[in-house]
Amino acid sequence: MLHKRTQIWLVLILGAVLLVSLTACQKLSFTNLRANYHFGKANKYFGDNLYRKAITEYEETLKYNPNRIEAFRYLGESYKQLYKPGVDSRDNKEKAAKALDALQKAFQIDPSNKSIIYSIGDMYDKMNEFKQAEKMYLRILELEPQNMNNYYVVAEFYKKYAGQNASIALKAESMYLRRIEADPENPQGYAYMANYYDNLTPVPDFDKALDFNLHRLQLEPKNHEIYYALGVNRFSKAYRLQVSLSPQERDAIGRESEKYLLKAIEIDAYYPWSYAYMKLLYLNVFAKLYPDKESRYNAESERWGEKFNDILKRDQDRKRLEKELKKSTS
């Protein structure tokens, strides 16, 4: 008798547990469905650049699922898109604070997520909070020390501030060099380094950029883009430093530019930008250096300009045709 009563109680308890579990599952299913619904709407608004509406929907998502990391992340991204760097208003500061709050919550859920770390660093960068941004970018390196692209990301961050502080400029150079050291046979590392020196502010270091492009050329001797980069580098030095260079120096550097650009054209006659810089070289360097031959150099400049226009139009027509063909076959 006692055994039967025990069985009855067990059945009743099991039924109650199942009922509670079923109710909990239904509730869980409902909250997940609501969270997914709002998250889908939020993503659509975000994709359409309707960030205020996206914020409302991401916040609704988090009411139903307070641990949804991507909702926190894109809530932060939405506020970041509304933030205006350099504007010192209360409303703008609130947007920055809300962006960081949401991104930090995503980071707390997944502290190893490189995309979230980068986004936080980017937000601090927009706020001109160098130290905080630097901390996040270096965190990326700690997580993936073998990923060469991370060195480039950190170097580009330092590059923005290099003109303001000599020690930061050294940090930028160090990151570019570490990328090269990690893979010395990869020409891209030398390209990044050359680009850095070519775009230093207030005055580029054209000769250092030249050296790194020449290293790059040793690895890819038939790459027309490297010859083009060398030609642009020499033109830029002859043009931008004309006050500090003698006429003889400008002429010699200009002739180097001409040599490299002609080699780029020889390798790839359909790359339009080599012709564009030939036009600029004749117009802004040779024509200015030799006033007695100005009309001749101007005529040469026009000739190179016409070639540039013809090849650019041909390239645009080709891309348009490829796009139309892709549409017709899809």
Protein backbone atom coordinates (compact mmCIF):
# COMPACT_ATOMS: atom_id res chain seq x y z
CA MET A 1 0.00 0.00 0.00
CA LEU A 2 2.80 2.32 0.97
CA HIS A 3 4.62 1.41 -2.22
CA LYS A 4 1.57 2.33 -4.33
CA ARG A 5 1.19 5.69 -2.55
CA THR A 6 4.87 6.42 -3.19
CA GLN A 7 4.41 5.64 -6.86
CA ILE A 8 1.40 7.96 -7.02
CA TRP A 9 3.37 10.81 -5.40
CA LEU A 10 6.27 10.25 -7.74
CA VAL A 11 3.94 10.40 -10.74
CA LEU A 12 2.35 13.61 -9.43
CA ILE A 13 5.75 15.21 -8.77
CA LEU A 14 7.02 14.14 -12.19
CA GLY A 15 3.92 15.62 -13.79
CA ALA A 16 4.43 18.89 -11.93
CA VAL A 17 8.08 18.99 -12.99
CA LEU A 18 7.13 18.33 -16.61
CA LEU A 19 4.46 21.03 -16.45
CA VAL A 20 6.93 23.57 -15.03
CA SER A 21 9.59 22.51 -17.55
CA LEU A 22 7.13 22.78 -20.42
CA THR A 23 6.04 26.23 -19.25
CA ALA A 24 9.69 27.31 -18.87
CA CYS A 25 10.53 25.97 -22.34
CA GLN A 26 7.57 27.78 -23.86
CA LYS A 27 8.62 30.97 -22.09
CA LEU A 28 12.21 30.50 -23.24
CA SER A 29 11.06 29.80 -26.78
CA PHE A 30 8.89 32.94 -26.71
CA THR A 31 11.71 35.18 -25.45
CA ASN A 32 14.12 33.78 -28.03
CA LEU A 33 11.60 34.37 -30.79
CA ARG A 34 11.04 37.96 -29.63
CA ALA A 35 14.79 38.53 -29.35
CA ASN A 36 15.34 37.16 -32.86
CA TYR A 37 12.51 39.27 -34.23
CA HIS A 38 13.93 42.53 -32.85
CA PHE A 39 17.48 41.54 -33.74
CA GLY A 40 16.49 40.94 -37.36
CA LYS A 41 14.77 44.34 -37.55
CA ALA A 42 17.77 46.01 -35.93
CA ASN A 43 20.17 44.49 -38.44
CA LYS A 44 17.99 45.67 -41.32
CA TYR A 45 17.97 49.22 -39.95
CA PHE A 46 21.72 49.09 -39.37
CA GLY A 47 22.32 47.93 -42.94
CA ASP A 48 20.16 50.82 -44.19
CA ASN A 49 22.13 53.33 -42.05
CA LEU A 50 19.05 54.02 -39.91
CA TYR A 51 21.05 53.93 -36.71
CA ARG A 52 18.52 55.51 -34.34
CA LYS A 53 15.91 52.91 -35.28
CA ALA A 54 18.56 50.20 -35.03
CA ILE A 55 19.38 51.33 -31.49
CA THR A 56 15.73 50.94 -30.43
CA GLU A 57 15.56 47.42 -31.83
CA TYR A 58 18.90 46.30 -30.39
CA GLU A 59 17.76 47.52 -26.98
CA GLU A 60 14.51 45.54 -27.39
CA THR A 61 16.59 42.49 -28.34
CA LEU A 62 18.56 42.77 -25.11
CA LYS A 63 15.38 42.97 -23.02
CA TYR A 64 14.53 39.45 -24.20
CA ASN A 65 18.10 38.14 -24.38
CA PRO A 66 20.44 40.17 -22.12
CA ASN A 67 23.47 38.05 -23.07
CA ARG A 68 23.30 38.41 -26.82
CA ILE A 69 26.81 39.55 -27.62
CA GLU A 70 26.14 40.71 -31.19
CA ALA A 71 23.25 42.90 -29.99
CA PHE A 72 25.61 44.66 -27.57
CA ARG A 73 28.24 44.95 -30.25
CA TYR A 74 26.01 46.48 -32.89
CA LEU A 75 24.24 48.66 -30.37
CA GLY A 76 27.69 50.12 -29.69
CA GLU A 77 28.41 50.36 -33.41
CA SER A 78 25.14 52.22 -33.95
CA TYR A 79 25.97 54.81 -31.32
CA LYS A 80 29.46 55.05 -32.80
CA GLN A 81 28.00 55.87 -36.21
CA LEU A 82 26.00 58.72 -34.68
CA TYR A 83 29.03 60.06 -32.81
CA LYS A 84 30.77 63.07 -34.38
CA PRO A 85 34.50 63.23 -33.61
CA GLY A 86 35.61 66.62 -32.32
CA VAL A 87 32.12 67.87 -31.41
CA ASP A 88 32.15 68.85 -27.73
CA SER A 89 28.41 68.76 -26.98
CA ARG A 90 26.58 66.98 -24.19
CA ASP A 91 24.53 64.92 -26.64
CA ASN A 92 27.65 63.83 -28.52
CA LYS A 93 29.42 62.85 -25.30
CA GLU A 94 26.41 60.75 -24.32
CA LYS A 95 26.58 58.91 -27.63
CA ALA A 96 30.26 58.15 -27.01
CA ALA A 97 29.53 56.91 -23.48
CA LYS A 98 26.68 54.67 -24.68
CA ALA A 99 28.79 53.30 -27.52
CA LEU A 100 31.59 52.38 -25.13
CA ASP A 101 29.17 50.95 -22.56
CA ALA A 102 27.60 48.58 -25.09
CA LEU A 103 30.95 47.55 -26.59
CA GLN A 104 32.46 46.96 -23.15
CA LYS A 105 29.53 44.69 -22.25
CA ALA A 106 30.17 42.69 -25.43
CA PHE A 107 33.85 42.54 -24.47
CA GLN A 108 32.97 41.22 -20.99
CA ILE A 109 31.03 38.37 -22.58
CA ASP A 110 33.86 37.51 -24.99
CA PRO A 111 37.18 39.17 -24.02
CA SER A 112 39.02 37.35 -26.82
CA ASN A 113 36.86 38.64 -29.68
CA LYS A 114 39.26 40.55 -31.93
CA SER A 115 36.49 42.40 -33.78
CA ILE A 116 35.04 43.76 -30.54
CA ILE A 117 38.49 44.75 -29.23
CA TYR A 118 39.20 46.54 -32.49
CA SER A 119 35.86 48.33 -32.33
CA ILE A 120 36.54 49.57 -28.78
CA GLY A 121 39.99 50.77 -29.86
CA ASP A 122 38.46 52.50 -32.86
CA MET A 123 35.93 54.27 -30.61
CA TYR A 124 38.65 55.53 -28.30
CA ASP A 125 40.60 56.61 -31.38
CA LYS A 126 37.64 58.64 -32.62
CA MET A 127 37.46 60.29 -29.20
CA ASN A 128 41.18 61.08 -29.43
CA GLU A 129 41.82 58.97 -26.32
CA PHE A 130 45.23 57.73 -27.48
CA LYS A 131 46.27 55.72 -24.40
CA GLN A 132 42.98 53.82 -24.15
CA ALA A 133 42.94 53.12 -27.88
CA GLU A 134 46.56 51.96 -27.82
CA LYS A 135 45.79 49.52 -25.00
CA MET A 136 43.05 47.85 -27.06
CA TYR A 137 45.10 47.66 -30.27
CA LEU A 138 48.03 46.10 -28.42
CA ARG A 139 45.59 43.59 -26.93
CA ILE A 140 44.95 42.35 -30.48
CA LEU A 141 48.67 41.69 -30.90
CA GLU A 142 48.76 39.76 -27.62
CA LEU A 143 45.94 37.51 -28.81
CA GLU A 144 47.36 36.84 -32.28
CA PRO A 145 51.13 37.53 -32.34
CA GLN A 146 51.59 35.42 -35.48
CA ASN A 147 49.00 37.30 -37.53
CA MET A 148 50.99 39.74 -39.68
CA ASN A 149 47.95 41.86 -40.52
CA ASN A 150 47.61 42.81 -36.85
CA TYR A 151 50.96 44.60 -36.99
CA TYR A 152 49.67 46.60 -39.92
CA VAL A 153 46.47 47.52 -38.04
CA VAL A 154 48.47 48.77 -35.04
CA ALA A 155 50.98 50.56 -37.28
CA GLU A 156 48.18 52.39 -39.10
CA PHE A 157 46.81 53.49 -35.73
CA TYR A 158 50.18 54.91 -34.70
CA LYS A 159 50.58 56.49 -38.13
CA LYS A 160 47.66 58.86 -37.45
CA TYR A 161 49.55 60.35 -34.49
CA ALA A 162 53.10 60.10 -35.87
CA GLY A 163 53.20 63.74 -36.97
CA GLN A 164 52.33 64.89 -33.45
CA ASN A 165 54.92 62.96 -31.49
CA ALA A 166 58.34 61.56 -32.41
CA SER A 167 58.04 58.63 -30.00
CA ILE A 168 54.76 57.57 -31.61
CA ALA A 169 56.40 57.80 -35.03
CA LEU A 170 59.03 55.35 -33.78
CA LYS A 171 56.28 52.99 -32.59
CA ALA A 172 54.67 53.11 -36.04
CA GLU A 173 57.98 52.32 -37.74
CA SER A 174 58.56 49.48 -35.27
CA MET A 175 55.22 47.85 -36.10
CA TYR A 176 55.82 48.05 -39.87
CA LEU A 177 59.31 46.58 -39.39
CA ARG A 178 57.99 43.78 -37.17
CA ARG A 179 55.61 42.85 -39.95
CA ILE A 180 58.54 42.63 -42.37
CA GLU A 181 60.58 40.58 -39.86
CA ALA A 182 57.69 38.15 -39.45
CA ASP A 183 57.72 37.42 -43.20
CA PRO A 184 60.72 39.00 -44.98
CA GLU A 185 59.88 37.34 -48.30
CA ASN A 186 56.45 38.97 -48.45
CA PRO A 187 56.58 42.13 -50.64
CA GLN A 188 53.45 43.55 -49.00
CA GLY A 189 55.35 44.38 -45.82
CA TYR A 190 57.78 46.56 -47.78
CA ALA A 191 54.86 48.20 -49.57
CA TYR A 192 53.28 49.21 -46.24
CA MET A 193 56.58 50.61 -45.01
CA ALA A 194 57.13 52.59 -48.23
CA ASN A 195 53.61 53.96 -48.10
CA TYR A 196 54.18 55.07 -44.50
CA TYR A 197 57.27 57.09 -45.40
CA ASP A 198 55.64 58.48 -48.55
CA ASN A 199 52.78 59.89 -46.47
CA LEU A 200 54.56 61.12 -43.35
CA THR A 201 53.42 64.52 -42.12
CA PRO A 202 54.36 67.29 -42.31
CA VAL A 203 57.19 66.20 -44.66
CA PRO A 204 57.40 62.71 -46.19
CA ASP A 205 60.69 60.81 -46.17
CA PHE A 206 60.75 60.08 -49.89
CA ASP A 207 64.19 58.48 -49.91
CA LYS A 208 63.35 55.92 -47.21
CA ALA A 209 60.15 55.10 -49.11
CA LEU A 210 62.28 54.63 -52.24
CA ASP A 211 64.55 52.14 -50.44
CA PHE A 212 61.65 49.98 -49.28
CA ASN A 213 60.07 49.97 -52.73
CA LEU A 214 63.43 48.88 -54.18
CA HIS A 215 63.46 45.99 -51.66
CA ARG A 216 59.99 45.14 -52.85
CA LEU A 217 61.17 45.23 -56.46
CA GLN A 218 63.84 42.61 -55.74
CA LEU A 219 61.06 40.22 -54.73
CA GLU A 220 58.76 41.08 -57.66
CA PRO A 221 60.91 42.41 -60.53
CA LYS A 222 58.11 42.26 -63.09
CA ASN A 223 55.39 43.98 -61.06
CA HIS A 224 54.29 47.14 -62.88
CA GLU A 225 52.69 48.56 -59.73
CA ILE A 226 56.08 48.72 -58.01
CA TYR A 227 57.60 50.66 -60.92
CA TYR A 228 54.55 52.92 -60.81
CA ALA A 229 55.04 53.48 -57.05
CA LEU A 230 58.71 54.29 -57.66
CA GLY A 231 57.77 56.76 -60.39
CA VAL A 232 55.19 58.47 -58.18
CA ASN A 233 57.69 58.64 -55.33
CA ARG A 234 60.31 60.39 -57.46
CA PHE A 235 57.77 62.76 -59.00
CA SER A 236 56.44 63.66 -55.55
CA LYS A 237 59.91 64.50 -54.27
CA ALA A 238 60.79 66.62 -57.31
CA TYR A 239 57.46 68.46 -57.13
CA ARG A 240 56.89 68.88 -53.39
CA LEU A 241 60.48 69.70 -52.42
CA GLN A 242 61.19 72.05 -55.32
CA VAL A 243 62.12 74.92 -52.99
CA SER A 244 64.85 72.96 -51.21
CA LEU A 245 66.24 71.15 -54.27
CA SER A 246 68.55 72.62 -56.88
CA PRO A 247 67.41 72.61 -60.53
CA GLN A 248 69.99 69.88 -61.27
CA GLU A 249 68.67 67.71 -58.43
CA ARG A 250 65.08 68.18 -59.54
CA ASP A 251 65.97 67.26 -63.10
CA ALA A 252 67.82 64.10 -62.00
CA ILE A 253 64.95 63.01 -59.75
CA GLY A 254 62.44 63.82 -62.50
CA ARG A 255 64.39 61.64 -64.96
CA GLU A 256 64.27 58.80 -62.43
CA SER A 257 60.51 59.21 -62.23
CA GLU A 258 60.25 59.13 -66.00
CA LYS A 259 62.36 55.95 -66.19
CA TYR A 260 60.24 54.11 -63.64
CA LEU A 261 56.92 55.20 -65.13
CA LEU A 262 57.99 54.19 -68.64
CA LYS A 263 58.99 50.77 -67.28
CA ALA A 264 55.57 50.43 -65.64
CA ILE A 265 53.94 51.23 -68.99
CA GLU A 266 56.21 48.73 -70.77
CA ILE A 267 55.10 45.95 -68.40
CA ASP A 268 51.40 46.90 -68.41
CA ALA A 269 50.36 49.33 -71.12
CA TYR A 270 46.75 49.27 -69.93
CA TYR A 271 47.33 50.62 -66.43
CA PRO A 272 46.02 54.21 -66.75
CA TRP A 273 47.64 55.86 -63.73
CA SER A 274 51.18 55.53 -65.08
CA TYR A 275 50.11 57.82 -67.94
CA ALA A 276 48.48 60.23 -65.50
CA TYR A 277 51.75 60.73 -63.63
CA MET A 278 53.70 61.09 -66.87
CA LYS A 279 51.35 64.00 -67.64
CA LEU A 280 51.97 65.54 -64.21
CA LEU A 281 55.73 65.04 -64.47
CA TYR A 282 56.02 66.91 -67.78
CA LEU A 283 53.60 69.63 -66.72
CA ASN A 284 54.79 70.31 -63.15
CA VAL A 285 58.48 69.45 -63.22
CA PHE A 286 60.10 69.58 -66.66
CA ALA A 287 58.01 72.48 -68.02
CA LYS A 288 58.84 74.53 -64.90
CA LEU A 289 62.53 73.64 -64.94
CA TYR A 290 63.02 74.63 -68.59
CA PRO A 291 60.95 77.72 -69.50
CA ASP A 292 62.52 77.83 -72.96
CA LYS A 293 61.08 74.35 -73.65
CA GLU A 294 57.81 74.89 -71.79
CA SER A 295 55.56 74.65 -74.86
CA ARG A 296 57.18 71.36 -75.87
CA TYR A 297 56.81 69.83 -72.41
CA ASN A 298 53.22 71.07 -72.15
CA ALA A 299 52.45 69.38 -75.47
CA GLU A 300 54.01 66.16 -74.19
CA SER A 301 51.93 66.49 -71.05
CA GLU A 302 48.75 66.76 -73.12
CA ARG A 303 49.74 63.69 -75.12
CA TRP A 304 50.18 61.63 -71.97
CA GLY A 305 46.89 63.01 -70.66
CA GLU A 306 45.06 61.86 -73.79
CA LYS A 307 46.50 58.36 -73.40
CA PHE A 308 45.38 58.33 -69.80
CA ASN A 309 41.82 59.32 -70.76
CA ASP A 310 41.66 56.73 -73.56
CA ILE A 311 42.87 53.85 -71.39
CA LEU A 312 40.74 54.90 -68.42
CA LYS A 313 37.65 54.97 -70.67
CA ARG A 314 38.57 51.57 -72.08
CA ASP A 315 38.96 50.20 -68.54
CA GLN A 316 35.59 51.65 -67.48
CA ASP A 317 33.89 50.21 -70.57
CA ARG A 318 35.39 46.78 -69.83
CA LYS A 319 34.16 46.85 -66.22
CA ARG A 320 30.70 47.96 -67.32
CA LEU A 321 30.53 45.11 -69.87
CA GLU A 322 31.65 42.57 -67.27
CA LYS A 323 28.96 43.84 -64.89
CA GLU A 324 26.28 43.54 -67.59
CA LEU A 325 27.43 40.03 -68.52
CA LYS A 326 27.35 39.00 -64.87
CA LYS A 327 23.77 40.29 -64.54
CA SER A 328 22.65 38.49 -67.68
CA THR A 329 24.05 35.13 -66.51
CA SER A 330 22.80 35.36 -62.92
